[in-house]
PDB file of N, CA and C in Angstrom:
ATOM      1  N   MET A   1     -18.644  -8.732  -0.036  1.00  0.00           N
ATOM      2  CA  MET A   1     -17.233  -8.527   0.210  1.00  0.00           C
ATOM      3  C   MET A   1     -16.988  -7.241   0.987  1.00  0.00           C
ATOM      4  N   LEU A   2     -17.643  -6.161   0.584  1.00  0.00           N
ATOM      5  CA  LEU A   2     -17.432  -4.892   1.272  1.00  0.00           C
ATOM      6  C   LEU A   2     -18.277  -4.743   2.522  1.00  0.00           C
ATOM      7  N   SER A   3     -19.064  -5.752   2.851  1.00  0.00           N
ATOM      8  CA  SER A   3     -19.934  -5.639   4.008  1.00  0.00           C
ATOM      9  C   SER A   3     -19.177  -5.782   5.321  1.00  0.00           C
ATOM     10  N   THR A   4     -17.914  -6.183   5.267  1.00  0.00           N
ATOM     11  CA  THR A   4     -17.117  -6.315   6.483  1.00  0.00           C
ATOM     12  C   THR A   4     -15.870  -5.445   6.365  1.00  0.00           C
ATOM     13  N   PRO A   5     -15.308  -5.043   7.505  1.00  0.00           N
ATOM     14  CA  PRO A   5     -14.055  -4.279   7.447  1.00  0.00           C
ATOM     15  C   PRO A   5     -12.928  -5.066   6.766  1.00  0.00           C
ATOM     16  N   ALA A   6     -12.873  -6.367   6.983  1.00  0.00           N
ATOM     17  CA  ALA A   6     -11.834  -7.182   6.342  1.00  0.00           C
ATOM     18  C   ALA A   6     -12.016  -7.176   4.822  1.00  0.00           C
ATOM     19  N   GLY A   7     -13.251  -7.163   4.364  1.00  0.00           N
ATOM     20  CA  GLY A   7     -13.509  -7.104   2.932  1.00  0.00           C
ATOM     21  C   GLY A   7     -13.066  -5.784   2.333  1.00  0.00           C
ATOM     22  N   THR A   8     -13.277  -4.707   3.064  1.00  0.00           N
ATOM     23  CA  THR A   8     -12.843  -3.392   2.591  1.00  0.00           C
ATOM     24  C   THR A   8     -11.320  -3.318   2.555  1.00  0.00           C
ATOM     25  N   VAL A   9     -10.667  -3.833   3.594  1.00  0.00           N
ATOM     26  CA  VAL A   9      -9.206  -3.857   3.622  1.00  0.00           C
ATOM     27  C   VAL A   9      -8.687  -4.656   2.437  1.00  0.00           C
ATOM     28  N   ARG A  10      -9.314  -5.781   2.173  1.00  0.00           N
ATOM     29  CA  ARG A  10      -8.878  -6.633   1.059  1.00  0.00           C
ATOM     30  C   ARG A  10      -9.015  -5.903  -0.282  1.00  0.00           C
ATOM     31  N   LEU A  11     -10.132  -5.235  -0.490  1.00  0.00           N
ATOM     32  CA  LEU A  11     -10.341  -4.503  -1.738  1.00  0.00           C
ATOM     33  C   LEU A  11      -9.324  -3.375  -1.898  1.00  0.00           C
ATOM     34  N   VAL A  12      -9.113  -2.607  -0.855  1.00  0.00           N
ATOM     35  CA  VAL A  12      -8.138  -1.509  -0.902  1.00  0.00           C
ATOM     36  C   VAL A  12      -6.741  -2.066  -1.181  1.00  0.00           C
ATOM     37  N   ALA A  13      -6.392  -3.174  -0.541  1.00  0.00           N
ATOM     38  CA  ALA A  13      -5.074  -3.769  -0.736  1.00  0.00           C
ATOM     39  C   ALA A  13      -4.898  -4.286  -2.158  1.00  0.00           C
ATOM     40  N   ILE A  14      -5.930  -4.902  -2.724  1.00  0.00           N
ATOM     41  CA  ILE A  14      -5.845  -5.412  -4.095  1.00  0.00           C
ATOM     42  C   ILE A  14      -5.667  -4.267  -5.086  1.00  0.00           C
ATOM     43  N   VAL A  15      -6.479  -3.234  -4.962  1.00  0.00           N
ATOM     44  CA  VAL A  15      -6.383  -2.084  -5.870  1.00  0.00           C
ATOM     45  C   VAL A  15      -5.014  -1.424  -5.755  1.00  0.00           C
ATOM     46  N   THR A  16      -4.523  -1.285  -4.540  1.00  0.00           N
ATOM     47  CA  THR A  16      -3.219  -0.657  -4.333  1.00  0.00           C
ATOM     48  C   THR A  16      -2.097  -1.523  -4.895  1.00  0.00           C
ATOM     49  N   ALA A  17      -2.180  -2.831  -4.694  1.00  0.00           N
ATOM     50  CA  ALA A  17      -1.153  -3.734  -5.235  1.00  0.00           C
ATOM     51  C   ALA A  17      -1.096  -3.639  -6.756  1.00  0.00           C
ATOM     52  N   ILE A  18      -2.244  -3.605  -7.394  1.00  0.00           N
ATOM     53  CA  ILE A  18      -2.281  -3.488  -8.856  1.00  0.00           C
ATOM     54  C   ILE A  18      -1.698  -2.148  -9.302  1.00  0.00           C
ATOM     55  N   ALA A  19      -2.072  -1.074  -8.613  1.00  0.00           N
ATOM     56  CA  ALA A  19      -1.542   0.254  -8.962  1.00  0.00           C
ATOM     57  C   ALA A  19      -0.025   0.300  -8.798  1.00  0.00           C
ATOM     58  N   MET A  20       0.492  -0.350  -7.759  1.00  0.00           N
ATOM     59  CA  MET A  20       1.942  -0.380  -7.536  1.00  0.00           C
ATOM     60  C   MET A  20       2.644  -1.185  -8.629  1.00  0.00           C
ATOM     61  N   LEU A  21       2.058  -2.291  -9.026  1.00  0.00           N
ATOM     62  CA  LEU A  21       2.648  -3.089 -10.101  1.00  0.00           C
ATOM     63  C   LEU A  21       2.668  -2.318 -11.416  1.00  0.00           C
ATOM     64  N   LEU A  22       1.612  -1.593 -11.684  1.00  0.00           N
ATOM     65  CA  LEU A  22       1.546  -0.796 -12.914  1.00  0.00           C
ATOM     66  C   LEU A  22       2.593   0.318 -12.926  1.00  0.00           C
ATOM     67  N   ALA A  23       3.028   0.747 -11.750  1.00  0.00           N
ATOM     68  CA  ALA A  23       3.977   1.860 -11.651  1.00  0.00           C
ATOM     69  C   ALA A  23       5.354   1.506 -12.190  1.00  0.00           C
ATOM     70  N   VAL A  24       5.632   0.227 -12.369  1.00  0.00           N
ATOM     71  CA  VAL A  24       6.932  -0.172 -12.900  1.00  0.00           C
ATOM     72  C   VAL A  24       7.063   0.239 -14.375  1.00  0.00           C
ATOM     73  N   ALA A  25       5.938   0.340 -15.063  1.00  0.00           N
ATOM     74  CA  ALA A  25       5.934   0.780 -16.461  1.00  0.00           C
ATOM     75  C   ALA A  25       6.067   2.302 -16.520  1.00  0.00           C
ATOM     76  N   PRO A  26       6.504   2.833 -17.648  1.00  0.00           N
ATOM     77  CA  PRO A  26       6.602   4.302 -17.774  1.00  0.00           C
ATOM     78  C   PRO A  26       5.219   4.944 -17.924  1.00  0.00           C
ATOM     79  N   TRP A  27       4.918   5.880 -17.066  1.00  0.00           N
ATOM     80  CA  TRP A  27       3.644   6.613 -17.081  1.00  0.00           C
ATOM     81  C   TRP A  27       3.945   8.093 -16.983  1.00  0.00           C
ATOM     82  N   PRO A  28       2.952   8.934 -17.285  1.00  0.00           N
ATOM     83  CA  PRO A  28       3.122  10.375 -17.045  1.00  0.00           C
ATOM     84  C   PRO A  28       3.331  10.642 -15.550  1.00  0.00           C
ATOM     85  N   TYR A  29       3.996  11.729 -15.245  1.00  0.00           N
ATOM     86  CA  TYR A  29       4.340  12.054 -13.861  1.00  0.00           C
ATOM     87  C   TYR A  29       3.107  12.107 -12.959  1.00  0.00           C
ATOM     88  N   GLY A  30       1.965  12.514 -13.501  1.00  0.00           N
ATOM     89  CA  GLY A  30       0.735  12.593 -12.713  1.00  0.00           C
ATOM     90  C   GLY A  30       0.335  11.259 -12.112  1.00  0.00           C
ATOM     91  N   TYR A  31       0.619  10.155 -12.809  1.00  0.00           N
ATOM     92  CA  TYR A  31       0.290   8.830 -12.262  1.00  0.00           C
ATOM     93  C   TYR A  31       1.064   8.575 -10.970  1.00  0.00           C
ATOM     94  N   TYR A  32       2.331   8.957 -10.969  1.00  0.00           N
ATOM     95  CA  TYR A  32       3.161   8.726  -9.787  1.00  0.00           C
ATOM     96  C   TYR A  32       2.750   9.634  -8.630  1.00  0.00           C
ATOM     97  N   GLN A  33       2.279  10.835  -8.968  1.00  0.00           N
ATOM     98  CA  GLN A  33       1.760  11.703  -7.912  1.00  0.00           C
ATOM     99  C   GLN A  33       0.490  11.100  -7.297  1.00  0.00           C
ATOM    100  N   LEU A  34      -0.387  10.591  -8.144  1.00  0.00           N
ATOM    101  CA  LEU A  34      -1.595   9.935  -7.655  1.00  0.00           C
ATOM    102  C   LEU A  34      -1.235   8.690  -6.853  1.00  0.00           C
ATOM    103  N   LEU A  35      -0.229   7.955  -7.304  1.00  0.00           N
ATOM    104  CA  LEU A  35       0.198   6.748  -6.597  1.00  0.00           C
ATOM    105  C   LEU A  35       0.692   7.075  -5.193  1.00  0.00           C
ATOM    106  N   ARG A  36       1.342   8.208  -5.034  1.00  0.00           N
ATOM    107  CA  ARG A  36       1.776   8.622  -3.687  1.00  0.00           C
ATOM    108  C   ARG A  36       0.571   8.788  -2.764  1.00  0.00           C
ATOM    109  N   VAL A  37      -0.462   9.433  -3.270  1.00  0.00           N
ATOM    110  CA  VAL A  37      -1.667   9.653  -2.453  1.00  0.00           C
ATOM    111  C   VAL A  37      -2.329   8.311  -2.132  1.00  0.00           C
ATOM    112  N   VAL A  38      -2.490   7.478  -3.155  1.00  0.00           N
ATOM    113  CA  VAL A  38      -3.115   6.166  -2.955  1.00  0.00           C
ATOM    114  C   VAL A  38      -2.290   5.325  -1.988  1.00  0.00           C
ATOM    115  N   GLY A  39      -0.972   5.273  -2.206  1.00  0.00           N
ATOM    116  CA  GLY A  39      -0.098   4.478  -1.336  1.00  0.00           C
ATOM    117  C   GLY A  39      -0.117   4.961   0.103  1.00  0.00           C
ATOM    118  N   PHE A  40      -0.141   6.278   0.271  1.00  0.00           N
ATOM    119  CA  PHE A  40      -0.166   6.837   1.622  1.00  0.00           C
ATOM    120  C   PHE A  40      -1.454   6.472   2.356  1.00  0.00           C
ATOM    121  N   PHE A  41      -2.588   6.777   1.733  1.00  0.00           N
ATOM    122  CA  PHE A  41      -3.858   6.520   2.416  1.00  0.00           C
ATOM    123  C   PHE A  41      -4.155   5.032   2.556  1.00  0.00           C
ATOM    124  N   ALA A  42      -3.781   4.240   1.559  1.00  0.00           N
ATOM    125  CA  ALA A  42      -3.990   2.793   1.660  1.00  0.00           C
ATOM    126  C   ALA A  42      -3.119   2.204   2.768  1.00  0.00           C
ATOM    127  N   GLY A  43      -1.875   2.641   2.852  1.00  0.00           N
ATOM    128  CA  GLY A  43      -0.991   2.153   3.910  1.00  0.00           C
ATOM    129  C   GLY A  43      -1.498   2.534   5.294  1.00  0.00           C
ATOM    130  N   ALA A  44      -1.939   3.774   5.425  1.00  0.00           N
ATOM    131  CA  ALA A  44      -2.453   4.227   6.721  1.00  0.00           C
ATOM    132  C   ALA A  44      -3.747   3.492   7.092  1.00  0.00           C
ATOM    133  N   TYR A  45      -4.662   3.364   6.125  1.00  0.00           N
ATOM    134  CA  TYR A  45      -5.941   2.701   6.400  1.00  0.00           C
ATOM    135  C   TYR A  45      -5.737   1.214   6.696  1.00  0.00           C
ATOM    136  N   CYS A  46      -5.036   0.529   5.805  1.00  0.00           N
ATOM    137  CA  CYS A  46      -4.832  -0.914   6.000  1.00  0.00           C
ATOM    138  C   CYS A  46      -4.013  -1.170   7.268  1.00  0.00           C
ATOM    139  N   GLY A  47      -3.007  -0.329   7.517  1.00  0.00           N
ATOM    140  CA  GLY A  47      -2.212  -0.481   8.735  1.00  0.00           C
ATOM    141  C   GLY A  47      -3.054  -0.340   9.992  1.00  0.00           C
ATOM    142  N   THR A  48      -3.938   0.650   9.996  1.00  0.00           N
ATOM    143  CA  THR A  48      -4.818   0.838  11.158  1.00  0.00           C
ATOM    144  C   THR A  48      -5.754  -0.342  11.348  1.00  0.00           C
ATOM    145  N   MET A  49      -6.334  -0.825  10.263  1.00  0.00           N
ATOM    146  CA  MET A  49      -7.270  -1.948  10.370  1.00  0.00           C
ATOM    147  C   MET A  49      -6.553  -3.239  10.761  1.00  0.00           C
ATOM    148  N   VAL A  50      -5.363  -3.448  10.228  1.00  0.00           N
ATOM    149  CA  VAL A  50      -4.585  -4.638  10.599  1.00  0.00           C
ATOM    150  C   VAL A  50      -4.161  -4.539  12.063  1.00  0.00           C
ATOM    151  N   TRP A  51      -3.775  -3.352  12.499  1.00  0.00           N
ATOM    152  CA  TRP A  51      -3.389  -3.144  13.901  1.00  0.00           C
ATOM    153  C   TRP A  51      -4.546  -3.519  14.826  1.00  0.00           C
ATOM    154  N   ARG A  52      -5.747  -3.096  14.447  1.00  0.00           N
ATOM    155  CA  ARG A  52      -6.929  -3.376  15.269  1.00  0.00           C
ATOM    156  C   ARG A  52      -7.312  -4.853  15.274  1.00  0.00           C
ATOM    157  N   SER A  53      -6.811  -5.616  14.305  1.00  0.00           N
ATOM    158  CA  SER A  53      -7.196  -7.029  14.212  1.00  0.00           C
ATOM    159  C   SER A  53      -6.498  -7.900  15.251  1.00  0.00           C
ATOM    160  N   GLY A  54      -5.542  -7.356  15.971  1.00  0.00           N
ATOM    161  CA  GLY A  54      -4.947  -8.119  17.060  1.00  0.00           C
ATOM    162  C   GLY A  54      -3.437  -8.000  17.131  1.00  0.00           C
ATOM    163  N   PRO A  55      -2.882  -8.351  18.281  1.00  0.00           N
ATOM    164  CA  PRO A  55      -1.442  -8.207  18.497  1.00  0.00           C
ATOM    165  C   PRO A  55      -0.590  -9.103  17.590  1.00  0.00           C
ATOM    166  N   ALA A  56      -1.142 -10.174  17.078  1.00  0.00           N
ATOM    167  CA  ALA A  56      -0.368 -11.067  16.205  1.00  0.00           C
ATOM    168  C   ALA A  56      -0.023 -10.404  14.882  1.00  0.00           C
ATOM    169  N   ASN A  57      -0.720  -9.339  14.527  1.00  0.00           N
ATOM    170  CA  ASN A  57      -0.518  -8.679  13.236  1.00  0.00           C
ATOM    171  C   ASN A  57       0.224  -7.348  13.346  1.00  0.00           C
ATOM    172  N   ARG A  58       0.825  -7.081  14.473  1.00  0.00           N
ATOM    173  CA  ARG A  58       1.475  -5.780  14.683  1.00  0.00           C
ATOM    174  C   ARG A  58       2.621  -5.533  13.694  1.00  0.00           C
ATOM    175  N   ASN A  59       3.446  -6.555  13.411  1.00  0.00           N
ATOM    176  CA  ASN A  59       4.560  -6.352  12.479  1.00  0.00           C
ATOM    177  C   ASN A  59       4.057  -6.010  11.084  1.00  0.00           C
ATOM    178  N   LEU A  60       2.994  -6.649  10.659  1.00  0.00           N
ATOM    179  CA  LEU A  60       2.404  -6.344   9.358  1.00  0.00           C
ATOM    180  C   LEU A  60       1.866  -4.911   9.342  1.00  0.00           C
ATOM    181  N   ALA A  61       1.248  -4.503  10.431  1.00  0.00           N
ATOM    182  CA  ALA A  61       0.742  -3.134  10.532  1.00  0.00           C
ATOM    183  C   ALA A  61       1.893  -2.135  10.447  1.00  0.00           C
ATOM    184  N   TRP A  62       3.007  -2.401  11.129  1.00  0.00           N
ATOM    185  CA  TRP A  62       4.158  -1.502  11.068  1.00  0.00           C
ATOM    186  C   TRP A  62       4.711  -1.413   9.654  1.00  0.00           C
ATOM    187  N   ALA A  63       4.719  -2.533   8.927  1.00  0.00           N
ATOM    188  CA  ALA A  63       5.184  -2.517   7.537  1.00  0.00           C
ATOM    189  C   ALA A  63       4.277  -1.626   6.681  1.00  0.00           C
ATOM    190  N   LEU A  64       2.977  -1.678   6.925  1.00  0.00           N
ATOM    191  CA  LEU A  64       2.039  -0.836   6.184  1.00  0.00           C
ATOM    192  C   LEU A  64       2.220   0.638   6.540  1.00  0.00           C
ATOM    193  N   PHE A  65       2.469   0.927   7.802  1.00  0.00           N
ATOM    194  CA  PHE A  65       2.729   2.310   8.205  1.00  0.00           C
ATOM    195  C   PHE A  65       4.026   2.826   7.560  1.00  0.00           C
ATOM    196  N   ALA A  66       5.029   1.958   7.453  1.00  0.00           N
ATOM    197  CA  ALA A  66       6.282   2.342   6.794  1.00  0.00           C
ATOM    198  C   ALA A  66       6.027   2.638   5.310  1.00  0.00           C
ATOM    199  N   ALA A  67       5.198   1.828   4.672  1.00  0.00           N
ATOM    200  CA  ALA A  67       4.853   2.075   3.271  1.00  0.00           C
ATOM    201  C   ALA A  67       4.149   3.426   3.137  1.00  0.00           C
ATOM    202  N   ALA A  68       3.264   3.726   4.081  1.00  0.00           N
ATOM    203  CA  ALA A  68       2.572   5.023   4.046  1.00  0.00           C
ATOM    204  C   ALA A  68       3.580   6.169   4.151  1.00  0.00           C
ATOM    205  N   LEU A  69       4.583   6.016   4.981  1.00  0.00           N
ATOM    206  CA  LEU A  69       5.603   7.065   5.112  1.00  0.00           C
ATOM    207  C   LEU A  69       6.416   7.230   3.833  1.00  0.00           C
ATOM    208  N   VAL A  70       6.783   6.123   3.214  1.00  0.00           N
ATOM    209  CA  VAL A  70       7.589   6.195   1.991  1.00  0.00           C
ATOM    210  C   VAL A  70       6.811   6.869   0.870  1.00  0.00           C
ATOM    211  N   PHE A  71       5.516   6.578   0.776  1.00  0.00           N
ATOM    212  CA  PHE A  71       4.709   7.110  -0.318  1.00  0.00           C
ATOM    213  C   PHE A  71       3.991   8.407   0.024  1.00  0.00           C
ATOM    214  N   ASN A  72       4.238   8.961   1.200  1.00  0.00           N
ATOM    215  CA  ASN A  72       3.472  10.145   1.608  1.00  0.00           C
ATOM    216  C   ASN A  72       3.671  11.303   0.640  1.00  0.00           C
ATOM    217  N   PRO A  73       2.582  11.998   0.292  1.00  0.00           N
ATOM    218  CA  PRO A  73       2.675  13.111  -0.656  1.00  0.00           C
ATOM    219  C   PRO A  73       3.001  14.447   0.010  1.00  0.00           C
ATOM    220  N   PHE A  74       3.033  14.486   1.325  1.00  0.00           N
ATOM    221  CA  PHE A  74       3.214  15.744   2.038  1.00  0.00           C
ATOM    222  C   PHE A  74       4.687  16.089   2.238  1.00  0.00           C
ATOM    223  N   LEU A  75       5.496  15.093   2.541  1.00  0.00           N
ATOM    224  CA  LEU A  75       6.949  15.251   2.636  1.00  0.00           C
ATOM    225  C   LEU A  75       7.561  14.211   1.704  1.00  0.00           C
ATOM    226  N   PRO A  76       7.529  14.471   0.406  1.00  0.00           N
ATOM    227  CA  PRO A  76       7.923  13.443  -0.557  1.00  0.00           C
ATOM    228  C   PRO A  76       9.387  13.022  -0.444  1.00  0.00           C
ATOM    229  N   VAL A  77       9.605  11.735  -0.666  1.00  0.00           N
ATOM    230  CA  VAL A  77      10.944  11.171  -0.714  1.00  0.00           C
ATOM    231  C   VAL A  77      11.349  11.139  -2.191  1.00  0.00           C
ATOM    232  N   TYR A  78      12.488  11.740  -2.522  1.00  0.00           N
ATOM    233  CA  TYR A  78      12.950  11.773  -3.901  1.00  0.00           C
ATOM    234  C   TYR A  78      14.056  10.742  -4.080  1.00  0.00           C
ATOM    235  N   LEU A  79      13.799   9.761  -4.933  1.00  0.00           N
ATOM    236  CA  LEU A  79      14.748   8.686  -5.197  1.00  0.00           C
ATOM    237  C   LEU A  79      14.832   8.457  -6.703  1.00  0.00           C
ATOM    238  N   PRO A  80      15.915   7.812  -7.170  1.00  0.00           N
ATOM    239  CA  PRO A  80      15.999   7.501  -8.604  1.00  0.00           C
ATOM    240  C   PRO A  80      14.900   6.524  -9.028  1.00  0.00           C
ATOM    241  N   ARG A  81      14.575   6.554 -10.287  1.00  0.00           N
ATOM    242  CA  ARG A  81      13.512   5.708 -10.840  1.00  0.00           C
ATOM    243  C   ARG A  81      13.738   4.220 -10.560  1.00  0.00           C
ATOM    244  N   GLU A  82      14.984   3.787 -10.626  1.00  0.00           N
ATOM    245  CA  GLU A  82      15.294   2.372 -10.387  1.00  0.00           C
ATOM    246  C   GLU A  82      14.957   1.967  -8.956  1.00  0.00           C
ATOM    247  N   VAL A  83      15.227   2.843  -8.013  1.00  0.00           N
ATOM    248  CA  VAL A  83      14.907   2.551  -6.609  1.00  0.00           C
ATOM    249  C   VAL A  83      13.395   2.528  -6.418  1.00  0.00           C
ATOM    250  N   TRP A  84      12.697   3.472  -7.052  1.00  0.00           N
ATOM    251  CA  TRP A  84      11.239   3.495  -6.953  1.00  0.00           C
ATOM    252  C   TRP A  84      10.630   2.228  -7.527  1.00  0.00           C
ATOM    253  N   ALA A  85      11.213   1.711  -8.598  1.00  0.00           N
ATOM    254  CA  ALA A  85      10.693   0.470  -9.194  1.00  0.00           C
ATOM    255  C   ALA A  85      10.764  -0.666  -8.189  1.00  0.00           C
ATOM    256  N   VAL A  86      11.848  -0.754  -7.443  1.00  0.00           N
ATOM    257  CA  VAL A  86      11.992  -1.794  -6.414  1.00  0.00           C
ATOM    258  C   VAL A  86      10.991  -1.556  -5.287  1.00  0.00           C
ATOM    259  N   LEU A  87      10.851  -0.306  -4.858  1.00  0.00           N
ATOM    260  CA  LEU A  87       9.895   0.005  -3.784  1.00  0.00           C
ATOM    261  C   LEU A  87       8.457  -0.260  -4.224  1.00  0.00           C
ATOM    262  N   ASP A  88       8.141   0.075  -5.469  1.00  0.00           N
ATOM    263  CA  ASP A  88       6.798  -0.193  -5.985  1.00  0.00           C
ATOM    264  C   ASP A  88       6.510  -1.690  -6.002  1.00  0.00           C
ATOM    265  N   ALA A  89       7.464  -2.482  -6.454  1.00  0.00           N
ATOM    266  CA  ALA A  89       7.283  -3.942  -6.489  1.00  0.00           C
ATOM    267  C   ALA A  89       7.156  -4.508  -5.069  1.00  0.00           C
ATOM    268  N   ALA A  90       7.969  -3.997  -4.153  1.00  0.00           N
ATOM    269  CA  ALA A  90       7.893  -4.461  -2.759  1.00  0.00           C
ATOM    270  C   ALA A  90       6.549  -4.078  -2.137  1.00  0.00           C
ATOM    271  N   ALA A  91       6.083  -2.868  -2.412  1.00  0.00           N
ATOM    272  CA  ALA A  91       4.789  -2.432  -1.887  1.00  0.00           C
ATOM    273  C   ALA A  91       3.654  -3.266  -2.487  1.00  0.00           C
ATOM    274  N   ALA A  92       3.776  -3.600  -3.773  1.00  0.00           N
ATOM    275  CA  ALA A  92       2.764  -4.458  -4.404  1.00  0.00           C
ATOM    276  C   ALA A  92       2.726  -5.811  -3.693  1.00  0.00           C
ATOM    277  N   GLY A  93       3.887  -6.349  -3.378  1.00  0.00           N
ATOM    278  CA  GLY A  93       3.943  -7.611  -2.638  1.00  0.00           C
ATOM    279  C   GLY A  93       3.337  -7.491  -1.252  1.00  0.00           C
ATOM    280  N   LEU A  94       3.637  -6.396  -0.573  1.00  0.00           N
ATOM    281  CA  LEU A  94       3.088  -6.168   0.772  1.00  0.00           C
ATOM    282  C   LEU A  94       1.569  -6.076   0.736  1.00  0.00           C
ATOM    283  N   PHE A  95       1.047  -5.262  -0.167  1.00  0.00           N
ATOM    284  CA  PHE A  95      -0.407  -5.113  -0.244  1.00  0.00           C
ATOM    285  C   PHE A  95      -1.062  -6.393  -0.755  1.00  0.00           C
ATOM    286  N   GLY A  96      -0.385  -7.113  -1.639  1.00  0.00           N
ATOM    287  CA  GLY A  96      -0.903  -8.407  -2.083  1.00  0.00           C
ATOM    288  C   GLY A  96      -0.982  -9.393  -0.926  1.00  0.00           C
ATOM    289  N   PHE A  97       0.030  -9.377  -0.067  1.00  0.00           N
ATOM    290  CA  PHE A  97       0.021 -10.250   1.107  1.00  0.00           C
ATOM    291  C   PHE A  97      -1.118  -9.883   2.056  1.00  0.00           C
ATOM    292  N   VAL A  98      -1.335  -8.587   2.227  1.00  0.00           N
ATOM    293  CA  VAL A  98      -2.436  -8.140   3.088  1.00  0.00           C
ATOM    294  C   VAL A  98      -3.774  -8.614   2.516  1.00  0.00           C
ATOM    295  N   ALA A  99      -3.930  -8.500   1.210  1.00  0.00           N
ATOM    296  CA  ALA A  99      -5.174  -8.961   0.572  1.00  0.00           C
ATOM    297  C   ALA A  99      -5.369 -10.460   0.763  1.00  0.00           C
ATOM    298  N   TYR A 100      -4.293 -11.221   0.644  1.00  0.00           N
ATOM    299  CA  TYR A 100      -4.357 -12.674   0.835  1.00  0.00           C
ATOM    300  C   TYR A 100      -4.662 -13.012   2.295  1.00  0.00           C
ATOM    301  N   ARG A 101      -4.025 -12.316   3.198  1.00  0.00           N
ATOM    302  CA  ARG A 101      -4.130 -12.632   4.630  1.00  0.00           C
ATOM    303  C   ARG A 101      -5.486 -12.242   5.220  1.00  0.00           C
ATOM    304  N   HIS A 102      -6.075 -11.164   4.721  1.00  0.00           N
ATOM    305  CA  HIS A 102      -7.313 -10.651   5.302  1.00  0.00           C
ATOM    306  C   HIS A 102      -8.508 -10.929   4.418  1.00  0.00           C
ATOM    307  N   ARG A 103      -8.805 -12.180   4.300  1.00  0.00           N
ATOM    308  CA  ARG A 103     -10.007 -12.576   3.530  1.00  0.00           C
ATOM    309  C   ARG A 103     -11.225 -12.410   4.405  1.00  0.00           C
ATOM    310  N   GLY A 104     -12.169 -11.632   3.920  1.00  0.00           N
ATOM    311  CA  GLY A 104     -13.369 -11.368   4.708  1.00  0.00           C
ATOM    312  C   GLY A 104     -14.317 -12.435   4.557  1.00  0.00           C
TER     313      GLY A 104
END
């Protein structure tokens, strides 16, 4: 599975989707800080790899880059918990779709 770039993208997307789904539950603040780092790097990595896979996937790549911006730990976006729950669920769906779409 990890022997191909698509397999690595799929694994990163699956792990990130699960982490985003778990974020809907109440966790210590450190989990959400870690989730920002994971979401940022996963969005940037998966977005870059999806972008390289061809012009047909550009919109999906832009969605991943947008997710990376929302979750970036360097210039954090501060929103109410309810809004974050929706964003976490949407990001889980996005990364789940990437995992489904990029089967290695």
